[in-house]
Amino acid sequence: AIVLFELLNMIAESQIAQPKRVDEIFGRLPEGAKKHIKKRDGTP
């Protein structure tokens, strides 16, 4: 049961917590940097 709980925690971390942290860090970048990243990635 502990192994399954650890797997569930890993999935939650990778699918929920990590993307939120990335978005938070991205939000702190200067607008010019965000613009260039979006252009590079082809996102609107």
PDB file of N, CA and C in Angstrom:
ATOM      1  N   ALA A   1       0.823  -1.197   0.000  1.00  0.00           N
ATOM      2  CA  ALA A   1       0.000   0.000   0.000  1.00  0.00           C
ATOM      3  C   ALA A   1       0.867   1.261   0.000  1.00  0.00           C
ATOM      4  N   ILE A   2       1.996   1.215   0.686  1.00  0.00           N
ATOM      5  CA  ILE A   2       2.876   2.384   0.745  1.00  0.00           C
ATOM      6  C   ILE A   2       3.451   2.686  -0.634  1.00  0.00           C
ATOM      7  N   VAL A   3       3.781   1.642  -1.381  1.00  0.00           N
ATOM      8  CA  VAL A   3       4.343   1.844  -2.721  1.00  0.00           C
ATOM      9  C   VAL A   3       3.319   2.518  -3.622  1.00  0.00           C
ATOM     10  N   LEU A   4       2.063   2.098  -3.534  1.00  0.00           N
ATOM     11  CA  LEU A   4       1.018   2.720  -4.348  1.00  0.00           C
ATOM     12  C   LEU A   4       0.826   4.185  -3.964  1.00  0.00           C
ATOM     13  N   PHE A   5       0.898   4.490  -2.682  1.00  0.00           N
ATOM     14  CA  PHE A   5       0.783   5.869  -2.220  1.00  0.00           C
ATOM     15  C   PHE A   5       1.942   6.708  -2.754  1.00  0.00           C
ATOM     16  N   GLU A   6       3.142   6.153  -2.743  1.00  0.00           N
ATOM     17  CA  GLU A   6       4.308   6.861  -3.284  1.00  0.00           C
ATOM     18  C   GLU A   6       4.137   7.120  -4.777  1.00  0.00           C
ATOM     19  N   LEU A   7       3.617   6.128  -5.504  1.00  0.00           N
ATOM     20  CA  LEU A   7       3.370   6.321  -6.937  1.00  0.00           C
ATOM     21  C   LEU A   7       2.329   7.410  -7.171  1.00  0.00           C
ATOM     22  N   LEU A   8       1.274   7.401  -6.371  1.00  0.00           N
ATOM     23  CA  LEU A   8       0.240   8.429  -6.493  1.00  0.00           C
ATOM     24  C   LEU A   8       0.822   9.812  -6.227  1.00  0.00           C
ATOM     25  N   ASN A   9       1.673   9.925  -5.222  1.00  0.00           N
ATOM     26  CA  ASN A   9       2.324  11.202  -4.932  1.00  0.00           C
ATOM     27  C   ASN A   9       3.208  11.652  -6.088  1.00  0.00           C
ATOM     28  N   MET A  10       3.930  10.723  -6.702  1.00  0.00           N
ATOM     29  CA  MET A  10       4.786  11.071  -7.841  1.00  0.00           C
ATOM     30  C   MET A  10       3.948  11.581  -9.007  1.00  0.00           C
ATOM     31  N   ILE A  11       2.818  10.934  -9.260  1.00  0.00           N
ATOM     32  CA  ILE A  11       1.941  11.357 -10.354  1.00  0.00           C
ATOM     33  C   ILE A  11       1.376  12.744 -10.065  1.00  0.00           C
ATOM     34  N   ALA A  12       0.904  12.960  -8.845  1.00  0.00           N
ATOM     35  CA  ALA A  12       0.361  14.271  -8.477  1.00  0.00           C
ATOM     36  C   ALA A  12       1.426  15.349  -8.604  1.00  0.00           C
ATOM     37  N   GLU A  13       2.639  15.050  -8.172  1.00  0.00           N
ATOM     38  CA  GLU A  13       3.742  16.011  -8.265  1.00  0.00           C
ATOM     39  C   GLU A  13       4.008  16.388  -9.717  1.00  0.00           C
ATOM     40  N   SER A  14       4.104  15.387 -10.582  1.00  0.00           N
ATOM     41  CA  SER A  14       4.475  15.665 -11.971  1.00  0.00           C
ATOM     42  C   SER A  14       3.334  16.286 -12.775  1.00  0.00           C
ATOM     43  N   GLN A  15       2.089  15.977 -12.422  1.00  0.00           N
ATOM     44  CA  GLN A  15       0.960  16.456 -13.208  1.00  0.00           C
ATOM     45  C   GLN A  15       0.307  17.721 -12.653  1.00  0.00           C
ATOM     46  N   ILE A  16       0.492  18.003 -11.377  1.00  0.00           N
ATOM     47  CA  ILE A  16      -0.192  19.144 -10.757  1.00  0.00           C
ATOM     48  C   ILE A  16       0.799  20.156 -10.191  1.00  0.00           C
ATOM     49  N   ALA A  17       1.634  19.721  -9.281  1.00  0.00           N
ATOM     50  CA  ALA A  17       2.507  20.659  -8.569  1.00  0.00           C
ATOM     51  C   ALA A  17       3.579  21.256  -9.469  1.00  0.00           C
ATOM     52  N   GLN A  18       4.227  20.424 -10.266  1.00  0.00           N
ATOM     53  CA  GLN A  18       5.320  20.914 -11.106  1.00  0.00           C
ATOM     54  C   GLN A  18       4.844  21.945 -12.132  1.00  0.00           C
ATOM     55  N   PRO A  19       3.760  21.685 -12.868  1.00  0.00           N
ATOM     56  CA  PRO A  19       3.293  22.706 -13.819  1.00  0.00           C
ATOM     57  C   PRO A  19       2.926  24.032 -13.145  1.00  0.00           C
ATOM     58  N   LYS A  20       2.380  23.969 -11.941  1.00  0.00           N
ATOM     59  CA  LYS A  20       2.050  25.211 -11.227  1.00  0.00           C
ATOM     60  C   LYS A  20       3.311  25.997 -10.909  1.00  0.00           C
ATOM     61  N   ARG A  21       4.365  25.298 -10.500  1.00  0.00           N
ATOM     62  CA  ARG A  21       5.629  25.983 -10.194  1.00  0.00           C
ATOM     63  C   ARG A  21       6.232  26.584 -11.459  1.00  0.00           C
ATOM     64  N   VAL A  22       6.157  25.866 -12.570  1.00  0.00           N
ATOM     65  CA  VAL A  22       6.686  26.385 -13.834  1.00  0.00           C
ATOM     66  C   VAL A  22       5.919  27.643 -14.234  1.00  0.00           C
ATOM     67  N   ASP A  23       4.593  27.607 -14.131  1.00  0.00           N
ATOM     68  CA  ASP A  23       3.779  28.785 -14.462  1.00  0.00           C
ATOM     69  C   ASP A  23       4.127  29.971 -13.566  1.00  0.00           C
ATOM     70  N   GLU A  24       4.359  29.695 -12.292  1.00  0.00           N
ATOM     71  CA  GLU A  24       4.714  30.760 -11.349  1.00  0.00           C
ATOM     72  C   GLU A  24       6.050  31.400 -11.722  1.00  0.00           C
ATOM     73  N   ILE A  25       7.021  30.584 -12.046  1.00  0.00           N
ATOM     74  CA  ILE A  25       8.342  31.098 -12.438  1.00  0.00           C
ATOM     75  C   ILE A  25       8.231  31.859 -13.753  1.00  0.00           C
ATOM     76  N   PHE A  26       7.494  31.308 -14.721  1.00  0.00           N
ATOM     77  CA  PHE A  26       7.308  31.967 -16.012  1.00  0.00           C
ATOM     78  C   PHE A  26       6.655  33.336 -15.819  1.00  0.00           C
ATOM     79  N   GLY A  27       5.705  33.420 -14.898  1.00  0.00           N
ATOM     80  CA  GLY A  27       5.012  34.678 -14.630  1.00  0.00           C
ATOM     81  C   GLY A  27       5.921  35.766 -14.088  1.00  0.00           C
ATOM     82  N   ARG A  28       7.026  35.384 -13.482  1.00  0.00           N
ATOM     83  CA  ARG A  28       7.958  36.372 -12.927  1.00  0.00           C
ATOM     84  C   ARG A  28       8.972  36.871 -13.953  1.00  0.00           C
ATOM     85  N   LEU A  29       8.990  36.286 -15.142  1.00  0.00           N
ATOM     86  CA  LEU A  29       9.924  36.731 -16.176  1.00  0.00           C
ATOM     87  C   LEU A  29       9.495  38.089 -16.728  1.00  0.00           C
ATOM     88  N   PRO A  30      10.443  38.877 -17.221  1.00  0.00           N
ATOM     89  CA  PRO A  30      10.088  40.141 -17.877  1.00  0.00           C
ATOM     90  C   PRO A  30       9.239  39.875 -19.129  1.00  0.00           C
ATOM     91  N   GLU A  31       8.391  40.827 -19.470  1.00  0.00           N
ATOM     92  CA  GLU A  31       7.491  40.660 -20.616  1.00  0.00           C
ATOM     93  C   GLU A  31       8.240  40.337 -21.904  1.00  0.00           C
ATOM     94  N   GLY A  32       9.376  40.993 -22.125  1.00  0.00           N
ATOM     95  CA  GLY A  32      10.149  40.733 -23.343  1.00  0.00           C
ATOM     96  C   GLY A  32      10.595  39.289 -23.433  1.00  0.00           C
ATOM     97  N   ALA A  33      11.035  38.735 -22.325  1.00  0.00           N
ATOM     98  CA  ALA A  33      11.471  37.336 -22.306  1.00  0.00           C
ATOM     99  C   ALA A  33      10.291  36.410 -22.580  1.00  0.00           C
ATOM    100  N   LYS A  34       9.141  36.708 -21.971  1.00  0.00           N
ATOM    101  CA  LYS A  34       7.949  35.876 -22.200  1.00  0.00           C
ATOM    102  C   LYS A  34       7.534  35.925 -23.669  1.00  0.00           C
ATOM    103  N   LYS A  35       7.613  37.119 -24.260  1.00  0.00           N
ATOM    104  CA  LYS A  35       7.234  37.280 -25.664  1.00  0.00           C
ATOM    105  C   LYS A  35       8.120  36.419 -26.557  1.00  0.00           C
ATOM    106  N   HIS A  36       9.431  36.440 -26.305  1.00  0.00           N
ATOM    107  CA  HIS A  36      10.362  35.652 -27.112  1.00  0.00           C
ATOM    108  C   HIS A  36      10.144  34.153 -26.912  1.00  0.00           C
ATOM    109  N   ILE A  37       9.856  33.744 -25.697  1.00  0.00           N
ATOM    110  CA  ILE A  37       9.599  32.325 -25.429  1.00  0.00           C
ATOM    111  C   ILE A  37       8.341  31.870 -26.158  1.00  0.00           C
ATOM    112  N   LYS A  38       7.282  32.688 -26.081  1.00  0.00           N
ATOM    113  CA  LYS A  38       6.037  32.329 -26.763  1.00  0.00           C
ATOM    114  C   LYS A  38       6.236  32.266 -28.271  1.00  0.00           C
ATOM    115  N   LYS A  39       7.020  33.199 -28.811  1.00  0.00           N
ATOM    116  CA  LYS A  39       7.298  33.189 -30.246  1.00  0.00           C
ATOM    117  C   LYS A  39       8.080  31.932 -30.620  1.00  0.00           C
ATOM    118  N   ARG A  40       9.096  31.600 -29.807  1.00  0.00           N
ATOM    119  CA  ARG A  40       9.910  30.414 -30.053  1.00  0.00           C
ATOM    120  C   ARG A  40       9.059  29.149 -30.019  1.00  0.00           C
ATOM    121  N   ASP A  41       8.135  29.090 -29.048  1.00  0.00           N
ATOM    122  CA  ASP A  41       7.318  27.896 -28.869  1.00  0.00           C
ATOM    123  C   ASP A  41       6.107  27.864 -29.798  1.00  0.00           C
ATOM    124  N   GLY A  42       5.833  28.968 -30.492  1.00  0.00           N
ATOM    125  CA  GLY A  42       4.697  29.024 -31.405  1.00  0.00           C
ATOM    126  C   GLY A  42       3.354  29.066 -30.692  1.00  0.00           C
ATOM    127  N   THR A  43       3.329  29.654 -29.481  1.00  0.00           N
ATOM    128  CA  THR A  43       2.075  29.769 -28.741  1.00  0.00           C
ATOM    129  C   THR A  43       1.584  31.210 -28.795  1.00  0.00           C
ATOM    130  N   PRO A  44       0.256  31.389 -28.792  1.00  0.00           N
ATOM    131  CA  PRO A  44      -0.300  32.750 -28.859  1.00  0.00           C
ATOM    132  C   PRO A  44      -0.105  33.547 -27.591  1.00  0.00           C
TER     133      PRO A  44
END
